[in-house]
Amino acid sequence: MNGAIALKQYQQTRVHGGVMDASPHRLIQMLLDGAMSRILSAKASLKQKNIAKKGEQIGNAISIIEGLRASLDFKVGGELSENLDALYEYIAGILLQANIQDDVALLDEAGKLLSEIKMGWDEIDSQAAQVK
């Protein structure tokens, strides 16, 4: 049991350290990864008929998406920020419906949309690395 506690503390420290050292761009990537991971976990929980865990994971994904929405800078991002805001709102709505309806297809749709956003962020990151 002590080993399990130590491992959990190590993982939390490692994640915390990764967040502290991350650039704002990397933080967005980490949030997108976290939301997609929660959606996959919700999907697995739904298939296992673990409704409580499914709801918890969907709630966590929605919280992450709300955090992404809150991080948008409409002055700098303009139309892009407005479009992302609408897309994040749509994804949160899909997740809410997936939770209510126990619908794997809606979870898949939300995951696919987040994956497409993440690919865009990843491309920005690789383009920035090539400029250096």
N, C-alpha and C. Protein backbone atom coordinates (compact mmCIF):
# COMPACT_ATOMS: atom_id res chain seq x y z
N MET A 1 0.81 -1.19 0.00
CA MET A 1 0.00 0.00 0.00
C MET A 1 0.86 1.26 0.00
N ASN A 2 1.95 1.28 0.78
CA ASN A 2 2.82 2.45 0.83
C ASN A 2 3.46 2.71 -0.52
N GLY A 3 3.77 1.65 -1.25
CA GLY A 3 4.34 1.81 -2.58
C GLY A 3 3.37 2.49 -3.52
N ALA A 4 2.09 2.14 -3.42
CA ALA A 4 1.07 2.75 -4.28
C ALA A 4 0.93 4.23 -3.96
N ILE A 5 0.98 4.58 -2.68
CA ILE A 5 0.88 5.99 -2.28
C ILE A 5 2.09 6.77 -2.78
N ALA A 6 3.25 6.18 -2.65
CA ALA A 6 4.47 6.84 -3.12
C ALA A 6 4.44 7.05 -4.63
N LEU A 7 3.96 6.05 -5.36
CA LEU A 7 3.87 6.17 -6.81
C LEU A 7 2.92 7.29 -7.19
N LYS A 8 1.79 7.37 -6.53
CA LYS A 8 0.81 8.42 -6.83
C LYS A 8 1.40 9.80 -6.55
N GLN A 9 2.11 9.95 -5.45
CA GLN A 9 2.74 11.22 -5.12
C GLN A 9 3.79 11.59 -6.16
N TYR A 10 4.56 10.60 -6.60
CA TYR A 10 5.56 10.84 -7.63
C TYR A 10 4.91 11.33 -8.92
N GLN A 11 3.83 10.66 -9.32
CA GLN A 11 3.14 11.05 -10.54
C GLN A 11 2.59 12.45 -10.43
N GLN A 12 2.01 12.80 -9.29
CA GLN A 12 1.48 14.15 -9.10
C GLN A 12 2.60 15.18 -9.16
N THR A 13 3.73 14.88 -8.56
CA THR A 13 4.87 15.79 -8.58
C THR A 13 5.39 15.96 -10.00
N ARG A 14 5.47 14.86 -10.72
CA ARG A 14 5.95 14.90 -12.10
C ARG A 14 5.02 15.75 -12.97
N VAL A 15 3.71 15.55 -12.82
CA VAL A 15 2.75 16.33 -13.60
C VAL A 15 2.85 17.80 -13.21
N HIS A 16 2.91 18.08 -11.92
CA HIS A 16 3.01 19.46 -11.45
C HIS A 16 4.27 20.13 -12.00
N GLY A 17 5.38 19.42 -11.97
CA GLY A 17 6.63 19.95 -12.51
C GLY A 17 6.53 20.21 -14.00
N GLY A 18 5.88 19.32 -14.72
CA GLY A 18 5.70 19.51 -16.16
C GLY A 18 4.86 20.73 -16.48
N VAL A 19 3.87 20.98 -15.65
CA VAL A 19 3.02 22.16 -15.84
C VAL A 19 3.80 23.42 -15.53
N MET A 20 4.58 23.40 -14.46
CA MET A 20 5.33 24.59 -14.06
C MET A 20 6.35 25.00 -15.12
N ASP A 21 6.91 24.03 -15.83
CA ASP A 21 7.95 24.31 -16.81
C ASP A 21 7.39 24.53 -18.22
N ALA A 22 6.11 24.34 -18.42
CA ALA A 22 5.52 24.36 -19.76
C ALA A 22 5.25 25.79 -20.23
N SER A 23 5.40 25.97 -21.53
CA SER A 23 5.04 27.24 -22.17
C SER A 23 3.52 27.32 -22.25
N PRO A 24 2.97 28.52 -22.46
CA PRO A 24 1.51 28.61 -22.63
C PRO A 24 1.00 27.71 -23.76
N HIS A 25 1.76 27.62 -24.84
CA HIS A 25 1.37 26.76 -25.96
C HIS A 25 1.32 25.30 -25.52
N ARG A 26 2.32 24.88 -24.79
CA ARG A 26 2.38 23.49 -24.31
C ARG A 26 1.26 23.21 -23.32
N LEU A 27 0.90 24.20 -22.49
CA LEU A 27 -0.19 24.01 -21.54
C LEU A 27 -1.50 23.71 -22.27
N ILE A 28 -1.75 24.42 -23.37
CA ILE A 28 -2.97 24.16 -24.15
C ILE A 28 -2.92 22.74 -24.70
N GLN A 29 -1.77 22.31 -25.20
CA GLN A 29 -1.64 20.94 -25.69
C GLN A 29 -1.92 19.94 -24.58
N MET A 30 -1.42 20.21 -23.39
CA MET A 30 -1.63 19.31 -22.26
C MET A 30 -3.11 19.26 -21.87
N LEU A 31 -3.79 20.41 -21.91
CA LEU A 31 -5.22 20.44 -21.60
C LEU A 31 -6.01 19.65 -22.64
N LEU A 32 -5.67 19.82 -23.90
CA LEU A 32 -6.36 19.07 -24.95
C LEU A 32 -6.13 17.57 -24.77
N ASP A 33 -4.89 17.19 -24.48
CA ASP A 33 -4.60 15.77 -24.20
C ASP A 33 -5.43 15.27 -23.02
N GLY A 34 -5.51 16.08 -21.97
CA GLY A 34 -6.26 15.69 -20.79
C GLY A 34 -7.74 15.50 -21.08
N ALA A 35 -8.32 16.41 -21.86
CA ALA A 35 -9.74 16.28 -22.21
C ALA A 35 -9.98 15.03 -23.04
N MET A 36 -9.10 14.78 -24.01
CA MET A 36 -9.26 13.58 -24.85
C MET A 36 -9.09 12.31 -24.03
N SER A 37 -8.18 12.33 -23.09
CA SER A 37 -7.96 11.17 -22.23
C SER A 37 -9.21 10.90 -21.38
N ARG A 38 -9.82 11.97 -20.86
CA ARG A 38 -11.04 11.80 -20.05
C ARG A 38 -12.18 11.24 -20.89
N ILE A 39 -12.26 11.67 -22.15
CA ILE A 39 -13.30 11.15 -23.04
C ILE A 39 -13.10 9.66 -23.30
N LEU A 40 -11.85 9.26 -23.55
CA LEU A 40 -11.57 7.83 -23.74
C LEU A 40 -11.90 7.02 -22.49
N SER A 41 -11.59 7.57 -21.34
CA SER A 41 -11.90 6.89 -20.08
C SER A 41 -13.42 6.80 -19.89
N ALA A 42 -14.14 7.85 -20.24
CA ALA A 42 -15.60 7.83 -20.14
C ALA A 42 -16.19 6.78 -21.06
N LYS A 43 -15.63 6.68 -22.25
CA LYS A 43 -16.10 5.68 -23.22
C LYS A 43 -15.87 4.26 -22.68
N ALA A 44 -14.71 4.02 -22.13
CA ALA A 44 -14.41 2.70 -21.55
C ALA A 44 -15.34 2.42 -20.37
N SER A 45 -15.56 3.43 -19.54
CA SER A 45 -16.45 3.25 -18.39
C SER A 45 -17.87 2.96 -18.82
N LEU A 46 -18.31 3.61 -19.88
CA LEU A 46 -19.65 3.36 -20.40
C LEU A 46 -19.78 1.93 -20.90
N LYS A 47 -18.76 1.47 -21.62
CA LYS A 47 -18.79 0.09 -22.13
C LYS A 47 -18.78 -0.92 -20.99
N GLN A 48 -18.15 -0.55 -19.86
CA GLN A 48 -18.11 -1.43 -18.70
C GLN A 48 -19.33 -1.22 -17.79
N LYS A 49 -20.24 -0.36 -18.23
CA LYS A 49 -21.46 -0.04 -17.48
C LYS A 49 -21.17 0.57 -16.12
N ASN A 50 -20.03 1.26 -16.02
CA ASN A 50 -19.68 1.99 -14.81
C ASN A 50 -20.14 3.44 -15.01
N ILE A 51 -21.42 3.66 -14.77
CA ILE A 51 -22.06 4.93 -15.08
C ILE A 51 -21.50 6.07 -14.22
N ALA A 52 -21.20 5.80 -12.97
CA ALA A 52 -20.66 6.85 -12.10
C ALA A 52 -19.31 7.35 -12.62
N LYS A 53 -18.44 6.43 -12.99
CA LYS A 53 -17.12 6.81 -13.50
C LYS A 53 -17.25 7.54 -14.84
N LYS A 54 -18.18 7.06 -15.69
CA LYS A 54 -18.43 7.73 -16.98
C LYS A 54 -18.81 9.18 -16.74
N GLY A 55 -19.74 9.41 -15.82
CA GLY A 55 -20.17 10.77 -15.52
C GLY A 55 -19.06 11.63 -14.97
N GLU A 56 -18.25 11.04 -14.11
CA GLU A 56 -17.12 11.77 -13.53
C GLU A 56 -16.12 12.18 -14.61
N GLN A 57 -15.81 11.26 -15.51
CA GLN A 57 -14.83 11.55 -16.57
C GLN A 57 -15.37 12.59 -17.56
N ILE A 58 -16.64 12.49 -17.89
CA ILE A 58 -17.24 13.49 -18.79
C ILE A 58 -17.25 14.86 -18.10
N GLY A 59 -17.58 14.87 -16.81
CA GLY A 59 -17.54 16.13 -16.05
C GLY A 59 -16.15 16.74 -16.04
N ASN A 60 -15.14 15.90 -15.88
CA ASN A 60 -13.75 16.39 -15.92
C ASN A 60 -13.39 16.94 -17.29
N ALA A 61 -13.82 16.26 -18.35
CA ALA A 61 -13.54 16.74 -19.71
C ALA A 61 -14.21 18.08 -19.95
N ILE A 62 -15.46 18.22 -19.50
CA ILE A 62 -16.16 19.50 -19.67
C ILE A 62 -15.44 20.60 -18.89
N SER A 63 -14.96 20.30 -17.70
CA SER A 63 -14.22 21.29 -16.90
C SER A 63 -12.96 21.74 -17.63
N ILE A 64 -12.26 20.81 -18.24
CA ILE A 64 -11.05 21.16 -18.99
C ILE A 64 -11.42 22.04 -20.17
N ILE A 65 -12.48 21.69 -20.87
CA ILE A 65 -12.90 22.48 -22.03
C ILE A 65 -13.31 23.89 -21.59
N GLU A 66 -13.98 23.99 -20.45
CA GLU A 66 -14.33 25.32 -19.93
C GLU A 66 -13.07 26.11 -19.60
N GLY A 67 -12.03 25.43 -19.11
CA GLY A 67 -10.75 26.08 -18.87
C GLY A 67 -10.11 26.57 -20.16
N LEU A 68 -10.23 25.77 -21.21
CA LEU A 68 -9.72 26.19 -22.51
C LEU A 68 -10.46 27.43 -23.01
N ARG A 69 -11.78 27.43 -22.83
CA ARG A 69 -12.58 28.60 -23.23
C ARG A 69 -12.15 29.83 -22.46
N ALA A 70 -11.93 29.67 -21.17
CA ALA A 70 -11.56 30.80 -20.32
C ALA A 70 -10.18 31.36 -20.68
N SER A 71 -9.34 30.53 -21.30
CA SER A 71 -7.98 30.97 -21.64
C SER A 71 -7.92 31.73 -22.96
N LEU A 72 -9.01 31.76 -23.70
CA LEU A 72 -9.01 32.44 -24.99
C LEU A 72 -8.83 33.95 -24.81
N ASP A 73 -7.99 34.54 -25.66
CA ASP A 73 -7.76 35.98 -25.63
C ASP A 73 -8.41 36.58 -26.87
N PHE A 74 -9.59 37.15 -26.69
CA PHE A 74 -10.36 37.65 -27.82
C PHE A 74 -9.74 38.89 -28.44
N LYS A 75 -8.97 39.67 -27.66
CA LYS A 75 -8.31 40.86 -28.21
C LYS A 75 -7.20 40.47 -29.18
N VAL A 76 -6.42 39.47 -28.80
CA VAL A 76 -5.31 39.03 -29.64
C VAL A 76 -5.79 38.04 -30.72
N GLY A 77 -6.64 37.12 -30.32
CA GLY A 77 -7.06 36.05 -31.22
C GLY A 77 -8.17 36.41 -32.19
N GLY A 78 -8.93 37.45 -31.89
CA GLY A 78 -9.98 37.91 -32.77
C GLY A 78 -10.95 36.81 -33.20
N GLU A 79 -11.12 36.69 -34.50
CA GLU A 79 -12.06 35.73 -35.06
C GLU A 79 -11.70 34.29 -34.72
N LEU A 80 -10.42 33.98 -34.69
CA LEU A 80 -9.99 32.63 -34.34
C LEU A 80 -10.45 32.28 -32.92
N SER A 81 -10.28 33.20 -31.99
CA SER A 81 -10.73 32.96 -30.62
C SER A 81 -12.25 32.79 -30.56
N GLU A 82 -12.96 33.58 -31.32
CA GLU A 82 -14.42 33.46 -31.36
C GLU A 82 -14.84 32.10 -31.90
N ASN A 83 -14.17 31.65 -32.95
CA ASN A 83 -14.48 30.34 -33.53
C ASN A 83 -14.16 29.21 -32.57
N LEU A 84 -13.01 29.30 -31.89
CA LEU A 84 -12.65 28.27 -30.91
C LEU A 84 -13.64 28.27 -29.75
N ASP A 85 -14.06 29.46 -29.31
CA ASP A 85 -15.03 29.55 -28.23
C ASP A 85 -16.32 28.83 -28.60
N ALA A 86 -16.81 29.09 -29.81
CA ALA A 86 -18.04 28.43 -30.27
C ALA A 86 -17.84 26.92 -30.37
N LEU A 87 -16.68 26.50 -30.86
CA LEU A 87 -16.41 25.07 -31.00
C LEU A 87 -16.30 24.40 -29.62
N TYR A 88 -15.62 25.04 -28.68
CA TYR A 88 -15.52 24.49 -27.33
C TYR A 88 -16.92 24.39 -26.69
N GLU A 89 -17.74 25.41 -26.91
CA GLU A 89 -19.10 25.38 -26.37
C GLU A 89 -19.89 24.21 -26.98
N TYR A 90 -19.73 24.01 -28.27
CA TYR A 90 -20.40 22.91 -28.96
C TYR A 90 -19.94 21.55 -28.41
N ILE A 91 -18.63 21.40 -28.22
CA ILE A 91 -18.08 20.15 -27.70
C ILE A 91 -18.59 19.89 -26.29
N ALA A 92 -18.64 20.91 -25.45
CA ALA A 92 -19.16 20.74 -24.09
C ALA A 92 -20.62 20.30 -24.14
N GLY A 93 -21.38 20.85 -25.07
CA GLY A 93 -22.78 20.44 -25.23
C GLY A 93 -22.91 19.00 -25.68
N ILE A 94 -22.05 18.59 -26.60
CA ILE A 94 -22.04 17.19 -27.06
C ILE A 94 -21.74 16.26 -25.89
N LEU A 95 -20.76 16.64 -25.08
CA LEU A 95 -20.39 15.81 -23.94
C LEU A 95 -21.54 15.72 -22.93
N LEU A 96 -22.22 16.82 -22.72
CA LEU A 96 -23.36 16.80 -21.81
C LEU A 96 -24.43 15.84 -22.33
N GLN A 97 -24.71 15.91 -23.63
CA GLN A 97 -25.70 15.00 -24.23
C GLN A 97 -25.22 13.54 -24.17
N ALA A 98 -23.93 13.33 -24.39
CA ALA A 98 -23.38 11.97 -24.31
C ALA A 98 -23.57 11.41 -22.91
N ASN A 99 -23.40 12.26 -21.91
CA ASN A 99 -23.58 11.82 -20.53
C ASN A 99 -25.04 11.48 -20.25
N ILE A 100 -25.93 12.32 -20.69
CA ILE A 100 -27.37 12.10 -20.45
C ILE A 100 -27.86 10.86 -21.19
N GLN A 101 -27.42 10.70 -22.44
CA GLN A 101 -27.94 9.64 -23.30
C GLN A 101 -27.10 8.36 -23.28
N ASP A 102 -25.96 8.37 -22.57
CA ASP A 102 -25.03 7.23 -22.60
C ASP A 102 -24.69 6.87 -24.04
N ASP A 103 -24.26 7.86 -24.80
CA ASP A 103 -24.06 7.72 -26.25
C ASP A 103 -22.57 7.74 -26.61
N VAL A 104 -22.06 6.58 -26.99
CA VAL A 104 -20.65 6.45 -27.38
C VAL A 104 -20.35 7.27 -28.64
N ALA A 105 -21.29 7.34 -29.57
CA ALA A 105 -21.07 8.09 -30.81
C ALA A 105 -20.83 9.57 -30.52
N LEU A 106 -21.53 10.12 -29.55
CA LEU A 106 -21.31 11.53 -29.18
C LEU A 106 -19.95 11.71 -28.52
N LEU A 107 -19.53 10.75 -27.72
CA LEU A 107 -18.19 10.80 -27.15
C LEU A 107 -17.14 10.76 -28.26
N ASP A 108 -17.37 9.91 -29.25
CA ASP A 108 -16.44 9.83 -30.39
C ASP A 108 -16.37 11.15 -31.14
N GLU A 109 -17.54 11.79 -31.34
CA GLU A 109 -17.57 13.07 -32.06
C GLU A 109 -16.79 14.14 -31.30
N ALA A 110 -17.01 14.22 -29.99
CA ALA A 110 -16.29 15.20 -29.18
C ALA A 110 -14.78 14.93 -29.22
N GLY A 111 -14.40 13.67 -29.10
CA GLY A 111 -12.99 13.31 -29.16
C GLY A 111 -12.36 13.65 -30.50
N LYS A 112 -13.10 13.41 -31.58
CA LYS A 112 -12.58 13.72 -32.92
C LYS A 112 -12.37 15.22 -33.09
N LEU A 113 -13.32 16.02 -32.63
CA LEU A 113 -13.18 17.47 -32.74
C LEU A 113 -11.99 17.97 -31.93
N LEU A 114 -11.83 17.47 -30.72
CA LEU A 114 -10.68 17.88 -29.91
C LEU A 114 -9.37 17.42 -30.54
N SER A 115 -9.38 16.26 -31.15
CA SER A 115 -8.19 15.76 -31.83
C SER A 115 -7.79 16.67 -32.99
N GLU A 116 -8.78 17.16 -33.72
CA GLU A 116 -8.49 18.07 -34.84
C GLU A 116 -7.92 19.39 -34.33
N ILE A 117 -8.48 19.89 -33.23
CA ILE A 117 -7.92 21.12 -32.64
C ILE A 117 -6.49 20.86 -32.20
N LYS A 118 -6.25 19.72 -31.56
CA LYS A 118 -4.91 19.38 -31.07
C LYS A 118 -3.91 19.27 -32.23
N MET A 119 -4.34 18.68 -33.34
CA MET A 119 -3.44 18.60 -34.50
C MET A 119 -3.05 19.99 -34.98
N GLY A 120 -3.98 20.93 -34.94
CA GLY A 120 -3.67 22.31 -35.30
C GLY A 120 -2.66 22.93 -34.36
N TRP A 121 -2.84 22.71 -33.06
CA TRP A 121 -1.88 23.22 -32.09
C TRP A 121 -0.52 22.57 -32.27
N ASP A 122 -0.50 21.28 -32.54
CA ASP A 122 0.76 20.58 -32.75
C ASP A 122 1.48 21.12 -33.98
N GLU A 123 0.74 21.43 -35.02
CA GLU A 123 1.34 21.98 -36.24
C GLU A 123 1.94 23.35 -35.98
N ILE A 124 1.27 24.18 -35.21
CA ILE A 124 1.80 25.48 -34.85
C ILE A 124 3.12 25.31 -34.13
N ASP A 125 3.17 24.35 -33.21
CA ASP A 125 4.38 24.09 -32.44
C ASP A 125 5.53 23.67 -33.35
N SER A 126 5.27 22.77 -34.30
CA SER A 126 6.35 22.33 -35.18
C SER A 126 6.80 23.44 -36.12
N GLN A 127 5.88 24.29 -36.55
CA GLN A 127 6.26 25.41 -37.41
C GLN A 127 7.13 26.40 -36.64
N ALA A 128 6.81 26.66 -35.38
CA ALA A 128 7.59 27.56 -34.56
C ALA A 128 9.00 27.02 -34.36
N ALA A 129 9.12 25.70 -34.20
CA ALA A 129 10.44 25.08 -34.01
C ALA A 129 11.31 25.21 -35.25
N GLN A 130 10.67 25.19 -36.43
CA GLN A 130 11.43 25.30 -37.67
C GLN A 130 11.93 26.71 -37.90
N VAL A 131 11.25 27.71 -37.36
CA VAL A 131 11.65 29.10 -37.53
C VAL A 131 12.89 29.41 -36.72
N LYS A 132 13.08 28.74 -35.59
CA LYS A 132 14.21 29.03 -34.70
C LYS A 132 15.53 28.73 -35.31
